[in-house]
Every structure is written in C-alpha cells, then in structure tokens.
Amino acid sequence: MRYLLILLILCLGGYWLYEHYLTTPPPSAVSEAPQQAPSNTGQFGMPDPLAFKVRAFKSNSPEIIVVYLIHGARWRQEMRRVGIPGITVSIFDGARLFSTNPKRTDTKGYGPILQKALSSLNGATPVGVEKRDGHTCLHYKDFIDPVGNRGDVWVDQQTLFPVYLSGWANGAYSEVHFQLLKSDFSILEKTCFDTSNTAPMLTPFLTP
C-alpha cells in the first residue's frame, strides 16, 4: 500500500515543469473504452503492454491529466494541467530519453513504480466490494505508512487495476482516478516510442 501513496506523490510531483506545445495530433489507435487486463490469474501485477489515463486532483492545485503508454522498457507519457496551456511529452525508446521538460532525466518511467504498487496489494485483505467510477471494485482502506501518509484505494475486481485512490501526502489531500485504455501497439509502437516523434499525439485523451 505504501507504494500506491508513493505513486500518488510522484504523479503530483512538482518536477513536472513543462514547456508549451500545442499541435494537432495524428489519428491514434488508443481508445477510451476500458479493457480487461490480459489473462490475470488473480495476482496483482502490471499488464504489458499497457495504456492508461490518470486524472489527479490535489488541494489548491490545478487538475493534472496524464496518459501513459508502456511496452516493456519503452514508454511514452503526455501530461497537461487543466486551464494552463501546454503539454509535456516524455519518451523513452529503451535506450534514449526525450522530454520537453529539460529537468527530466529518469528513464525507468512509471512501469516499475506501478508494478511495485500493484504487487504490494498481494496478500492484503479488502474491506469490501464497492462501486467506484462505474466499476465493481475491491476497497483497501485506511492505510497509514511510517511517515504519516494515509489513504484508500479501489481496484477493479475483474482487471485488478486501480480505479480510484484518495489520501493524504505531505499534508495535502489528493484524489487520483485511473482509466485503462484500449491500445493496438502493433500500430502505435512504430511512432509512439520514437524519440523523434516529439509532437503530442494523445491530445484527445488529455481532457477531463
């Protein structure tokens, strides 16, 4: 559970400083319809490949919307803050990193963090089954880590992927909504993990 709160903190981290890019995106094979995680066996883990959207709300801060595409070590992240012009694009092709944020240097992306977050739920006991954001979810409640961060997480009972996370981190209350996206990586992988393809291509999904 602690890793889920770490993920929340990172999602809302101040290092997401970005330059302004506004272009018309090309057609994308990503769809907003939720998908089932590939052949899960009842164990929490990260599907691969994976496309998902995050909407994060933090006290006294603009809403942040992020779309992630992850395939093995390769990943693409596009992010915007609602009401503020500009989109941050970060791409790692397995060897090279490109980011419109000049301060970004990490190449691991969020795959390892998400994997640890999901794996931390294995063996945990939910307090119940509840509806959240249109999904039937397992509710893991009221965890407090050693430094005082606390929160709840709701995980889709079928896909075992997070749907909603709420809690306190660094003295601020935050809410994070997750949405699995369909993707055809046989089409997307030729462009989405290309570090020369720096124009935003996921703009239609960076909306509330």
N, C-alpha and C. Protein backbone atom coordinates (compact mmCIF):
# COMPACT_ATOMS: atom_id res chain seq x y z
N MET A 1 0.82 -1.21 0.00
CA MET A 1 0.00 0.00 0.00
C MET A 1 0.85 1.26 0.00
N ARG A 2 2.01 1.20 0.64
CA ARG A 2 2.84 2.41 0.69
C ARG A 2 3.25 2.85 -0.71
N TYR A 3 3.50 1.87 -1.61
CA TYR A 3 3.91 2.23 -2.95
C TYR A 3 2.80 2.95 -3.70
N LEU A 4 1.54 2.65 -3.40
CA LEU A 4 0.45 3.37 -4.04
C LEU A 4 0.48 4.84 -3.64
N LEU A 5 0.81 5.12 -2.39
CA LEU A 5 0.90 6.51 -1.95
C LEU A 5 2.13 7.17 -2.57
N ILE A 6 3.23 6.42 -2.73
CA ILE A 6 4.39 6.97 -3.42
C ILE A 6 4.03 7.33 -4.85
N LEU A 7 3.26 6.45 -5.51
CA LEU A 7 2.82 6.72 -6.88
C LEU A 7 1.99 8.00 -6.92
N LEU A 8 1.11 8.18 -5.94
CA LEU A 8 0.31 9.39 -5.88
C LEU A 8 1.19 10.62 -5.76
N ILE A 9 2.17 10.55 -4.86
CA ILE A 9 3.06 11.69 -4.65
C ILE A 9 3.82 12.01 -5.94
N LEU A 10 4.31 10.98 -6.62
CA LEU A 10 5.06 11.21 -7.85
C LEU A 10 4.17 11.76 -8.94
N CYS A 11 2.93 11.25 -9.01
CA CYS A 11 2.00 11.75 -10.03
C CYS A 11 1.75 13.24 -9.86
N LEU A 12 1.80 13.69 -8.61
CA LEU A 12 1.51 15.09 -8.33
C LEU A 12 2.78 15.91 -8.11
N GLY A 13 3.95 15.32 -8.43
CA GLY A 13 5.24 15.93 -8.10
C GLY A 13 5.48 17.24 -8.80
N GLY A 14 6.20 18.10 -8.12
CA GLY A 14 6.48 19.41 -8.69
C GLY A 14 7.49 19.41 -9.81
N TYR A 15 8.19 18.27 -10.05
CA TYR A 15 9.18 18.28 -11.11
C TYR A 15 8.58 18.23 -12.50
N TRP A 16 7.24 18.11 -12.57
CA TRP A 16 6.59 18.14 -13.88
C TRP A 16 6.50 19.59 -14.36
N LEU A 17 7.60 20.24 -14.54
CA LEU A 17 7.66 21.54 -15.17
C LEU A 17 7.70 21.31 -16.66
N TYR A 18 7.02 22.14 -17.43
CA TYR A 18 6.99 21.82 -18.85
C TYR A 18 6.91 23.06 -19.72
N GLU A 19 7.39 22.90 -20.97
CA GLU A 19 7.29 23.93 -21.98
C GLU A 19 5.95 23.81 -22.69
N HIS A 20 5.63 24.78 -23.58
CA HIS A 20 4.32 24.81 -24.21
C HIS A 20 4.38 24.23 -25.62
N TYR A 21 3.57 23.16 -25.84
CA TYR A 21 3.46 22.53 -27.14
C TYR A 21 1.98 22.35 -27.44
N LEU A 22 1.49 22.90 -28.53
CA LEU A 22 0.11 22.69 -28.96
C LEU A 22 0.11 22.40 -30.45
N THR A 23 -0.17 21.15 -30.83
CA THR A 23 -0.23 20.76 -32.22
C THR A 23 -1.43 19.88 -32.43
N THR A 24 -1.84 19.71 -33.65
CA THR A 24 -2.96 18.83 -33.97
C THR A 24 -2.47 17.40 -34.00
N PRO A 25 -3.03 16.50 -33.18
CA PRO A 25 -2.50 15.15 -33.09
C PRO A 25 -2.91 14.31 -34.28
N PRO A 26 -2.04 13.36 -34.70
CA PRO A 26 -2.42 12.44 -35.75
C PRO A 26 -3.42 11.43 -35.23
N PRO A 27 -4.11 10.67 -36.10
CA PRO A 27 -5.03 9.63 -35.64
C PRO A 27 -4.29 8.63 -34.74
N SER A 28 -4.96 8.18 -33.70
CA SER A 28 -4.33 7.27 -32.74
C SER A 28 -5.14 6.00 -32.64
N ALA A 29 -4.47 4.88 -32.35
CA ALA A 29 -5.16 3.62 -32.17
C ALA A 29 -5.56 3.40 -30.72
N VAL A 30 -5.38 4.40 -29.88
CA VAL A 30 -5.83 4.30 -28.50
C VAL A 30 -7.31 4.60 -28.44
N SER A 31 -8.04 3.90 -27.60
CA SER A 31 -9.47 4.12 -27.44
C SER A 31 -9.77 4.35 -25.98
N GLU A 32 -10.81 5.13 -25.68
CA GLU A 32 -11.15 5.40 -24.29
C GLU A 32 -11.93 4.27 -23.65
N ALA A 33 -12.39 3.27 -24.42
CA ALA A 33 -13.13 2.17 -23.83
C ALA A 33 -12.22 1.36 -22.92
N PRO A 34 -12.69 1.01 -21.71
CA PRO A 34 -11.84 0.23 -20.81
C PRO A 34 -11.60 -1.16 -21.35
N GLN A 35 -10.43 -1.72 -21.05
CA GLN A 35 -10.11 -3.06 -21.50
C GLN A 35 -9.89 -3.96 -20.30
N GLN A 36 -9.91 -5.25 -20.54
CA GLN A 36 -9.57 -6.19 -19.49
C GLN A 36 -8.07 -6.43 -19.52
N ALA A 37 -7.47 -6.48 -18.36
CA ALA A 37 -6.05 -6.78 -18.29
C ALA A 37 -5.81 -8.19 -18.82
N PRO A 38 -4.74 -8.40 -19.58
CA PRO A 38 -4.51 -9.70 -20.20
C PRO A 38 -4.36 -10.82 -19.19
N SER A 39 -5.20 -11.80 -19.29
CA SER A 39 -5.11 -13.09 -18.59
C SER A 39 -4.53 -13.01 -17.19
N ASN A 40 -5.13 -12.16 -16.32
CA ASN A 40 -4.60 -12.15 -14.95
C ASN A 40 -5.06 -13.41 -14.23
N THR A 41 -4.28 -13.82 -13.26
CA THR A 41 -4.54 -15.08 -12.57
C THR A 41 -4.99 -14.85 -11.14
N GLY A 42 -5.49 -13.65 -10.86
CA GLY A 42 -5.89 -13.33 -9.50
C GLY A 42 -4.78 -12.68 -8.71
N GLN A 43 -3.61 -12.52 -9.29
CA GLN A 43 -2.49 -11.85 -8.65
C GLN A 43 -2.36 -10.44 -9.21
N PHE A 44 -2.10 -9.48 -8.32
CA PHE A 44 -1.93 -8.11 -8.76
C PHE A 44 -0.60 -7.96 -9.48
N GLY A 45 -0.63 -7.36 -10.65
CA GLY A 45 0.57 -7.12 -11.43
C GLY A 45 0.23 -6.22 -12.60
N MET A 46 1.25 -5.68 -13.24
CA MET A 46 1.04 -4.73 -14.33
C MET A 46 0.94 -5.45 -15.67
N PRO A 47 -0.14 -5.24 -16.44
CA PRO A 47 -0.22 -5.80 -17.78
C PRO A 47 0.86 -5.20 -18.68
N ASP A 48 1.25 -5.93 -19.72
CA ASP A 48 2.23 -5.43 -20.68
C ASP A 48 1.85 -5.97 -22.06
N PRO A 49 1.58 -5.11 -23.04
CA PRO A 49 1.65 -3.64 -22.99
C PRO A 49 0.48 -3.06 -22.20
N LEU A 50 0.59 -1.76 -21.92
CA LEU A 50 -0.40 -1.10 -21.08
C LEU A 50 -0.58 0.34 -21.52
N ALA A 51 -1.84 0.77 -21.61
CA ALA A 51 -2.17 2.17 -21.85
C ALA A 51 -3.19 2.58 -20.80
N PHE A 52 -2.95 3.70 -20.12
CA PHE A 52 -3.91 4.16 -19.13
C PHE A 52 -3.84 5.67 -18.96
N LYS A 53 -4.92 6.19 -18.41
CA LYS A 53 -5.08 7.62 -18.19
C LYS A 53 -5.21 7.87 -16.70
N VAL A 54 -4.63 8.96 -16.24
CA VAL A 54 -4.70 9.36 -14.83
C VAL A 54 -5.23 10.79 -14.76
N ARG A 55 -6.19 11.00 -13.88
CA ARG A 55 -6.65 12.35 -13.54
C ARG A 55 -6.37 12.55 -12.06
N ALA A 56 -5.55 13.54 -11.74
CA ALA A 56 -5.11 13.75 -10.36
C ALA A 56 -5.56 15.12 -9.87
N PHE A 57 -6.13 15.12 -8.68
CA PHE A 57 -6.60 16.35 -8.03
C PHE A 57 -5.87 16.49 -6.70
N LYS A 58 -5.30 17.66 -6.47
CA LYS A 58 -4.60 17.93 -5.21
C LYS A 58 -5.09 19.25 -4.67
N SER A 59 -5.16 19.35 -3.36
CA SER A 59 -5.64 20.57 -2.72
C SER A 59 -4.92 21.80 -3.26
N ASN A 60 -5.69 22.80 -3.68
CA ASN A 60 -5.16 24.10 -4.11
C ASN A 60 -4.22 24.00 -5.32
N SER A 61 -4.45 22.99 -6.20
CA SER A 61 -3.62 22.83 -7.40
C SER A 61 -4.51 22.53 -8.59
N PRO A 62 -4.06 22.86 -9.81
CA PRO A 62 -4.84 22.53 -10.99
C PRO A 62 -4.95 21.02 -11.16
N GLU A 63 -6.04 20.58 -11.79
CA GLU A 63 -6.18 19.16 -12.14
C GLU A 63 -5.08 18.78 -13.13
N ILE A 64 -4.47 17.62 -12.92
CA ILE A 64 -3.44 17.10 -13.82
C ILE A 64 -3.98 15.88 -14.54
N ILE A 65 -3.81 15.83 -15.86
CA ILE A 65 -4.23 14.68 -16.67
C ILE A 65 -3.00 14.12 -17.37
N VAL A 66 -2.80 12.81 -17.25
CA VAL A 66 -1.65 12.15 -17.84
C VAL A 66 -2.11 10.90 -18.58
N VAL A 67 -1.53 10.64 -19.76
CA VAL A 67 -1.73 9.38 -20.46
C VAL A 67 -0.38 8.69 -20.58
N TYR A 68 -0.35 7.41 -20.23
CA TYR A 68 0.87 6.61 -20.30
C TYR A 68 0.68 5.48 -21.30
N LEU A 69 1.69 5.24 -22.11
CA LEU A 69 1.79 4.05 -22.94
C LEU A 69 3.07 3.34 -22.51
N ILE A 70 2.96 2.06 -22.15
CA ILE A 70 4.12 1.31 -21.65
C ILE A 70 4.18 -0.03 -22.36
N HIS A 71 5.35 -0.37 -22.89
CA HIS A 71 5.57 -1.68 -23.50
C HIS A 71 6.99 -2.12 -23.17
N GLY A 72 7.11 -3.06 -22.24
CA GLY A 72 8.43 -3.46 -21.78
C GLY A 72 9.14 -2.28 -21.13
N ALA A 73 10.38 -2.02 -21.56
CA ALA A 73 11.15 -0.91 -21.02
C ALA A 73 10.80 0.41 -21.69
N ARG A 74 10.06 0.35 -22.79
CA ARG A 74 9.73 1.57 -23.53
C ARG A 74 8.46 2.21 -22.97
N TRP A 75 8.42 3.55 -23.01
CA TRP A 75 7.23 4.22 -22.52
C TRP A 75 7.09 5.61 -23.15
N ARG A 76 5.88 6.08 -23.13
CA ARG A 76 5.56 7.45 -23.57
C ARG A 76 4.60 8.04 -22.55
N GLN A 77 4.84 9.29 -22.16
CA GLN A 77 3.98 10.00 -21.22
C GLN A 77 3.64 11.36 -21.79
N GLU A 78 2.35 11.69 -21.80
CA GLU A 78 1.91 13.04 -22.17
C GLU A 78 1.04 13.58 -21.04
N MET A 79 1.29 14.85 -20.64
CA MET A 79 0.65 15.41 -19.46
C MET A 79 0.27 16.86 -19.70
N ARG A 80 -0.88 17.25 -19.14
CA ARG A 80 -1.27 18.65 -19.15
C ARG A 80 -1.92 19.00 -17.82
N ARG A 81 -1.87 20.30 -17.51
CA ARG A 81 -2.59 20.83 -16.36
C ARG A 81 -3.80 21.58 -16.88
N VAL A 82 -4.96 21.21 -16.39
CA VAL A 82 -6.21 21.79 -16.87
C VAL A 82 -6.22 23.28 -16.59
N GLY A 83 -6.53 24.06 -17.63
CA GLY A 83 -6.58 25.51 -17.51
C GLY A 83 -5.27 26.20 -17.77
N ILE A 84 -4.20 25.44 -18.02
CA ILE A 84 -2.88 26.01 -18.29
C ILE A 84 -2.41 25.49 -19.64
N PRO A 85 -2.07 26.36 -20.58
CA PRO A 85 -1.66 25.89 -21.91
C PRO A 85 -0.40 25.04 -21.86
N GLY A 86 -0.31 24.10 -22.79
CA GLY A 86 0.91 23.33 -22.94
C GLY A 86 0.75 21.87 -22.57
N ILE A 87 1.52 21.04 -23.22
CA ILE A 87 1.54 19.59 -22.98
C ILE A 87 2.99 19.16 -22.83
N THR A 88 3.28 18.40 -21.79
CA THR A 88 4.60 17.82 -21.62
C THR A 88 4.64 16.47 -22.31
N VAL A 89 5.66 16.22 -23.12
CA VAL A 89 5.86 14.93 -23.78
C VAL A 89 7.19 14.35 -23.30
N SER A 90 7.16 13.11 -22.84
CA SER A 90 8.37 12.40 -22.45
C SER A 90 8.34 11.02 -23.09
N ILE A 91 9.45 10.60 -23.68
CA ILE A 91 9.52 9.33 -24.41
C ILE A 91 10.83 8.63 -24.07
N PHE A 92 10.74 7.33 -23.83
CA PHE A 92 11.95 6.52 -23.68
C PHE A 92 11.82 5.32 -24.61
N ASP A 93 12.78 5.15 -25.53
CA ASP A 93 12.70 4.10 -26.53
C ASP A 93 13.44 2.83 -26.15
N GLY A 94 13.87 2.74 -24.90
CA GLY A 94 14.65 1.61 -24.43
C GLY A 94 16.12 1.92 -24.32
N ALA A 95 16.53 3.01 -24.99
CA ALA A 95 17.94 3.42 -24.94
C ALA A 95 18.10 4.92 -24.75
N ARG A 96 17.20 5.70 -25.36
CA ARG A 96 17.32 7.16 -25.34
C ARG A 96 16.07 7.78 -24.73
N LEU A 97 16.27 8.88 -24.00
CA LEU A 97 15.18 9.62 -23.40
C LEU A 97 15.03 10.96 -24.08
N PHE A 98 13.79 11.34 -24.39
CA PHE A 98 13.47 12.69 -24.82
C PHE A 98 12.38 13.23 -23.91
N SER A 99 12.48 14.49 -23.54
CA SER A 99 11.41 15.14 -22.77
C SER A 99 11.39 16.61 -23.07
N THR A 100 10.19 17.18 -23.17
CA THR A 100 10.06 18.63 -23.30
C THR A 100 10.31 19.32 -21.97
N ASN A 101 10.42 18.54 -20.91
CA ASN A 101 10.84 19.05 -19.61
C ASN A 101 12.35 18.85 -19.50
N PRO A 102 13.15 19.90 -19.61
CA PRO A 102 14.61 19.73 -19.61
C PRO A 102 15.15 19.18 -18.31
N LYS A 103 14.38 19.22 -17.24
CA LYS A 103 14.85 18.72 -15.95
C LYS A 103 14.62 17.22 -15.77
N ARG A 104 13.91 16.62 -16.70
CA ARG A 104 13.63 15.19 -16.55
C ARG A 104 14.81 14.36 -17.02
N THR A 105 15.27 13.45 -16.17
CA THR A 105 16.42 12.61 -16.52
C THR A 105 16.15 11.13 -16.30
N ASP A 106 15.08 10.77 -15.58
CA ASP A 106 14.85 9.36 -15.29
C ASP A 106 14.40 8.62 -16.55
N THR A 107 14.83 7.38 -16.68
CA THR A 107 14.48 6.58 -17.86
C THR A 107 13.57 5.40 -17.52
N LYS A 108 13.34 5.14 -16.24
CA LYS A 108 12.52 3.98 -15.86
C LYS A 108 11.02 4.25 -16.04
N GLY A 109 10.62 5.54 -15.98
CA GLY A 109 9.21 5.85 -16.10
C GLY A 109 8.41 5.28 -14.94
N TYR A 110 7.12 5.08 -15.16
CA TYR A 110 6.23 4.67 -14.08
C TYR A 110 5.92 3.19 -14.06
N GLY A 111 6.45 2.43 -15.04
CA GLY A 111 6.21 1.00 -15.05
C GLY A 111 6.67 0.31 -13.78
N PRO A 112 7.94 0.46 -13.37
CA PRO A 112 8.40 -0.20 -12.14
C PRO A 112 7.66 0.27 -10.89
N ILE A 113 7.33 1.56 -10.83
CA ILE A 113 6.60 2.08 -9.67
C ILE A 113 5.21 1.45 -9.59
N LEU A 114 4.53 1.40 -10.76
CA LEU A 114 3.19 0.83 -10.78
C LEU A 114 3.23 -0.66 -10.46
N GLN A 115 4.24 -1.36 -10.98
CA GLN A 115 4.37 -2.78 -10.68
C GLN A 115 4.53 -3.02 -9.18
N LYS A 116 5.37 -2.23 -8.53
CA LYS A 116 5.55 -2.37 -7.08
C LYS A 116 4.26 -2.03 -6.34
N ALA A 117 3.56 -0.99 -6.83
CA ALA A 117 2.31 -0.59 -6.17
C ALA A 117 1.29 -1.72 -6.22
N LEU A 118 1.13 -2.32 -7.39
CA LEU A 118 0.15 -3.39 -7.53
C LEU A 118 0.58 -4.63 -6.76
N SER A 119 1.87 -4.96 -6.83
CA SER A 119 2.35 -6.15 -6.12
C SER A 119 2.18 -6.02 -4.62
N SER A 120 2.21 -4.78 -4.11
CA SER A 120 2.07 -4.58 -2.67
C SER A 120 0.68 -4.96 -2.18
N LEU A 121 -0.28 -5.09 -3.09
CA LEU A 121 -1.64 -5.47 -2.70
C LEU A 121 -1.80 -6.98 -2.56
N ASN A 122 -0.86 -7.76 -3.11
CA ASN A 122 -0.96 -9.21 -2.98
C ASN A 122 -0.87 -9.61 -1.51
N GLY A 123 -1.85 -10.34 -1.06
CA GLY A 123 -1.90 -10.75 0.34
C GLY A 123 -2.66 -9.80 1.23
N ALA A 124 -2.97 -8.59 0.74
CA ALA A 124 -3.76 -7.64 1.54
C ALA A 124 -5.24 -8.05 1.50
N THR A 125 -5.98 -7.64 2.51
CA THR A 125 -7.39 -8.01 2.61
C THR A 125 -8.27 -6.78 2.40
N PRO A 126 -9.14 -6.80 1.37
CA PRO A 126 -10.04 -5.66 1.17
C PRO A 126 -11.12 -5.62 2.24
N VAL A 127 -11.64 -4.41 2.47
CA VAL A 127 -12.71 -4.27 3.46
C VAL A 127 -14.07 -4.56 2.84
N GLY A 128 -14.14 -4.61 1.52
CA GLY A 128 -15.41 -4.90 0.89
C GLY A 128 -15.33 -4.70 -0.61
N VAL A 129 -16.48 -4.93 -1.25
CA VAL A 129 -16.63 -4.73 -2.70
C VAL A 129 -17.58 -3.56 -2.90
N GLU A 130 -17.16 -2.55 -3.64
CA GLU A 130 -17.95 -1.33 -3.81
C GLU A 130 -17.89 -0.85 -5.25
N LYS A 131 -18.87 -0.07 -5.64
CA LYS A 131 -18.87 0.57 -6.95
C LYS A 131 -18.07 1.86 -6.89
N ARG A 132 -17.20 2.06 -7.90
CA ARG A 132 -16.43 3.29 -7.97
C ARG A 132 -16.17 3.62 -9.42
N ASP A 133 -16.52 4.82 -9.85
CA ASP A 133 -16.32 5.27 -11.23
C ASP A 133 -16.87 4.26 -12.23
N GLY A 134 -18.02 3.64 -11.90
CA GLY A 134 -18.66 2.70 -12.80
C GLY A 134 -18.09 1.30 -12.78
N HIS A 135 -17.15 1.01 -11.88
CA HIS A 135 -16.52 -0.30 -11.79
C HIS A 135 -16.86 -0.96 -10.46
N THR A 136 -16.95 -2.29 -10.46
CA THR A 136 -17.06 -3.05 -9.23
C THR A 136 -15.65 -3.25 -8.69
N CYS A 137 -15.39 -2.72 -7.51
CA CYS A 137 -14.01 -2.62 -7.02
C CYS A 137 -13.83 -3.29 -5.66
N LEU A 138 -12.61 -3.78 -5.44
CA LEU A 138 -12.13 -4.17 -4.13
C LEU A 138 -11.62 -2.91 -3.42
N HIS A 139 -12.07 -2.69 -2.20
CA HIS A 139 -11.71 -1.48 -1.46
C HIS A 139 -10.70 -1.84 -0.38
N TYR A 140 -9.50 -1.24 -0.50
CA TYR A 140 -8.47 -1.41 0.51
C TYR A 140 -8.39 -0.09 1.29
N LYS A 141 -8.62 -0.16 2.59
CA LYS A 141 -8.96 1.03 3.35
C LYS A 141 -7.93 1.44 4.38
N ASP A 142 -7.78 2.78 4.50
CA ASP A 142 -7.21 3.44 5.69
C ASP A 142 -5.84 2.92 6.09
N PHE A 143 -4.94 2.90 5.09
CA PHE A 143 -3.56 2.53 5.37
C PHE A 143 -2.79 3.77 5.81
N ILE A 144 -1.95 3.64 6.83
CA ILE A 144 -1.08 4.72 7.27
C ILE A 144 0.35 4.21 7.24
N ASP A 145 1.22 4.89 6.48
CA ASP A 145 2.60 4.43 6.39
C ASP A 145 3.44 5.07 7.51
N PRO A 146 4.70 4.67 7.67
CA PRO A 146 5.50 5.15 8.80
C PRO A 146 5.72 6.65 8.85
N VAL A 147 5.58 7.35 7.71
CA VAL A 147 5.80 8.81 7.74
C VAL A 147 4.48 9.57 7.80
N GLY A 148 3.36 8.86 7.95
CA GLY A 148 2.10 9.52 8.17
C GLY A 148 1.21 9.69 6.96
N ASN A 149 1.66 9.26 5.76
CA ASN A 149 0.78 9.28 4.60
C ASN A 149 -0.30 8.22 4.79
N ARG A 150 -1.52 8.56 4.41
CA ARG A 150 -2.60 7.58 4.57
C ARG A 150 -3.58 7.71 3.41
N GLY A 151 -4.28 6.62 3.13
CA GLY A 151 -5.22 6.68 2.03
C GLY A 151 -5.93 5.37 1.78
N ASP A 152 -6.91 5.43 0.86
CA ASP A 152 -7.68 4.28 0.43
C ASP A 152 -7.48 4.08 -1.06
N VAL A 153 -7.61 2.83 -1.52
CA VAL A 153 -7.53 2.54 -2.94
C VAL A 153 -8.65 1.58 -3.31
N TRP A 154 -9.24 1.82 -4.48
CA TRP A 154 -10.26 0.96 -5.04
C TRP A 154 -9.69 0.33 -6.32
N VAL A 155 -9.75 -1.00 -6.43
CA VAL A 155 -9.14 -1.72 -7.54
C VAL A 155 -10.23 -2.52 -8.25
N ASP A 156 -10.28 -2.41 -9.57
CA ASP A 156 -11.29 -3.14 -10.35
C ASP A 156 -11.21 -4.64 -10.03
N GLN A 157 -12.34 -5.22 -9.68
CA GLN A 157 -12.35 -6.63 -9.26
C GLN A 157 -12.01 -7.57 -10.41
N GLN A 158 -12.27 -7.15 -11.64
CA GLN A 158 -12.03 -8.02 -12.78
C GLN A 158 -10.63 -7.85 -13.36
N THR A 159 -10.22 -6.59 -13.57
CA THR A 159 -8.91 -6.34 -14.19
C THR A 159 -7.78 -6.29 -13.18
N LEU A 160 -8.11 -6.09 -11.88
CA LEU A 160 -7.12 -5.91 -10.82
C LEU A 160 -6.23 -4.69 -11.08
N PHE A 161 -6.82 -3.67 -11.72
CA PHE A 161 -6.11 -2.42 -11.99
C PHE A 161 -6.77 -1.32 -11.17
N PRO A 162 -5.99 -0.36 -10.65
CA PRO A 162 -6.58 0.70 -9.82
C PRO A 162 -7.64 1.50 -10.58
N VAL A 163 -8.65 1.91 -9.85
CA VAL A 163 -9.70 2.77 -10.39
C VAL A 163 -9.66 4.13 -9.71
N TYR A 164 -9.45 4.14 -8.41
CA TYR A 164 -9.51 5.40 -7.66
C TYR A 164 -8.61 5.29 -6.43
N LEU A 165 -7.93 6.38 -6.14
CA LEU A 165 -7.04 6.46 -4.98
C LEU A 165 -7.27 7.79 -4.29
N SER A 166 -7.43 7.78 -3.00
CA SER A 166 -7.57 9.03 -2.25
C SER A 166 -6.74 8.94 -0.99
N GLY A 167 -6.17 10.07 -0.59
CA GLY A 167 -5.39 10.05 0.63
C GLY A 167 -4.63 11.32 0.87
N TRP A 168 -3.84 11.31 1.93
CA TRP A 168 -3.06 12.46 2.35
C TRP A 168 -1.58 12.18 2.14
N ALA A 169 -0.88 13.13 1.52
CA ALA A 169 0.55 13.01 1.31
C ALA A 169 1.18 14.39 1.48
N ASN A 170 2.20 14.47 2.29
CA ASN A 170 2.88 15.75 2.54
C ASN A 170 1.92 16.83 3.00
N GLY A 171 0.91 16.44 3.77
CA GLY A 171 -0.02 17.40 4.34
C GLY A 171 -1.12 17.86 3.42
N ALA A 172 -1.20 17.32 2.19
CA ALA A 172 -2.23 17.74 1.23
C ALA A 172 -3.11 16.55 0.86
N TYR A 173 -4.40 16.80 0.72
CA TYR A 173 -5.34 15.75 0.33
C TYR A 173 -5.35 15.64 -1.19
N SER A 174 -5.30 14.41 -1.71
CA SER A 174 -5.24 14.18 -3.15
C SER A 174 -6.23 13.09 -3.54
N GLU A 175 -6.72 13.18 -4.77
CA GLU A 175 -7.55 12.13 -5.36
C GLU A 175 -7.02 11.83 -6.75
N VAL A 176 -6.94 10.54 -7.08
CA VAL A 176 -6.42 10.12 -8.38
C VAL A 176 -7.37 9.11 -8.98
N HIS A 177 -7.82 9.37 -10.22
CA HIS A 177 -8.67 8.46 -10.96
C HIS A 177 -7.85 7.80 -12.06
N PHE A 178 -7.96 6.47 -12.19
CA PHE A 178 -7.25 5.71 -13.22
C PHE A 178 -8.25 5.16 -14.22
N GLN A 179 -7.86 5.11 -15.50
CA GLN A 179 -8.71 4.53 -16.54
C GLN A 179 -7.85 3.74 -17.51
N LEU A 180 -8.12 2.44 -17.60
CA LEU A 180 -7.45 1.64 -18.62
C LEU A 180 -7.92 2.06 -20.00
N LEU A 181 -7.02 2.09 -20.97
CA LEU A 181 -7.35 2.44 -22.34
C LEU A 181 -7.02 1.26 -23.25
N LYS A 182 -7.86 1.06 -24.25
CA LYS A 182 -7.53 0.07 -25.27
C LYS A 182 -6.39 0.60 -26.12
N SER A 183 -5.54 -0.28 -26.60
CA SER A 183 -4.47 0.15 -27.49
C SER A 183 -4.07 -0.98 -28.41
N ASP A 184 -3.72 -0.63 -29.64
CA ASP A 184 -3.20 -1.59 -30.61
C ASP A 184 -1.74 -1.23 -30.84
N PHE A 185 -0.86 -1.85 -30.05
CA PHE A 185 0.53 -1.46 -30.11
C PHE A 185 1.21 -1.89 -31.40
N SER A 186 0.60 -2.82 -32.15
CA SER A 186 1.17 -3.18 -33.45
C SER A 186 1.15 -1.98 -34.39
N ILE A 187 0.23 -1.06 -34.14
CA ILE A 187 0.17 0.17 -34.93
C ILE A 187 0.96 1.28 -34.24
N LEU A 188 0.74 1.44 -32.94
CA LEU A 188 1.29 2.58 -32.22
C LEU A 188 2.80 2.50 -32.02
N GLU A 189 3.34 1.29 -31.84
CA GLU A 189 4.74 1.21 -31.43
C GLU A 189 5.71 1.75 -32.46
N LYS A 190 5.28 1.88 -33.72
CA LYS A 190 6.17 2.43 -34.75
C LYS A 190 6.38 3.93 -34.58
N THR A 191 5.48 4.57 -33.86
CA THR A 191 5.57 6.02 -33.70
C THR A 191 5.63 6.47 -32.25
N CYS A 192 4.89 5.80 -31.36
CA CYS A 192 4.73 6.36 -30.02
C CYS A 192 6.00 6.26 -29.19
N PHE A 193 6.88 5.32 -29.48
CA PHE A 193 8.13 5.19 -28.73
C PHE A 193 9.33 5.72 -29.50
N ASP A 194 9.05 6.47 -30.56
CA ASP A 194 10.10 7.08 -31.38
C ASP A 194 10.45 8.44 -30.76
N THR A 195 11.69 8.60 -30.30
CA THR A 195 12.08 9.82 -29.61
C THR A 195 12.16 11.02 -30.55
N SER A 196 12.03 10.80 -31.85
CA SER A 196 11.95 11.92 -32.78
C SER A 196 10.50 12.36 -33.00
N ASN A 197 9.55 11.57 -32.52
CA ASN A 197 8.13 11.89 -32.64
C ASN A 197 7.71 12.68 -31.40
N THR A 198 8.10 13.94 -31.37
CA THR A 198 8.01 14.74 -30.14
C THR A 198 6.72 15.56 -30.04
N ALA A 199 5.94 15.63 -31.11
CA ALA A 199 4.68 16.37 -31.04
C ALA A 199 3.65 15.55 -30.26
N PRO A 200 2.79 16.20 -29.46
CA PRO A 200 1.75 15.46 -28.75
C PRO A 200 0.88 14.66 -29.72
N MET A 201 0.63 13.39 -29.41
CA MET A 201 -0.20 12.55 -30.24
C MET A 201 -1.40 11.98 -29.48
N LEU A 202 -1.50 12.31 -28.20
CA LEU A 202 -2.58 11.77 -27.35
C LEU A 202 -3.49 12.86 -26.83
N THR A 203 -3.45 14.02 -27.49
CA THR A 203 -4.22 15.19 -27.03
C THR A 203 -5.71 14.89 -26.82
N PRO A 204 -6.39 14.09 -27.69
CA PRO A 204 -7.81 13.84 -27.47
C PRO A 204 -8.12 13.21 -26.12
N PHE A 205 -7.15 12.56 -25.50
CA PHE A 205 -7.39 11.87 -24.23
C PHE A 205 -6.96 12.72 -23.03
N LEU A 206 -6.36 13.86 -23.28
CA LEU A 206 -5.92 14.74 -22.19
C LEU A 206 -7.02 15.75 -21.86
N THR A 207 -8.22 15.23 -21.73
CA THR A 207 -9.39 16.07 -21.42
C THR A 207 -10.07 15.53 -20.16
N PRO A 208 -10.72 16.38 -19.40
CA PRO A 208 -11.43 15.92 -18.18
C PRO A 208 -12.52 14.91 -18.51
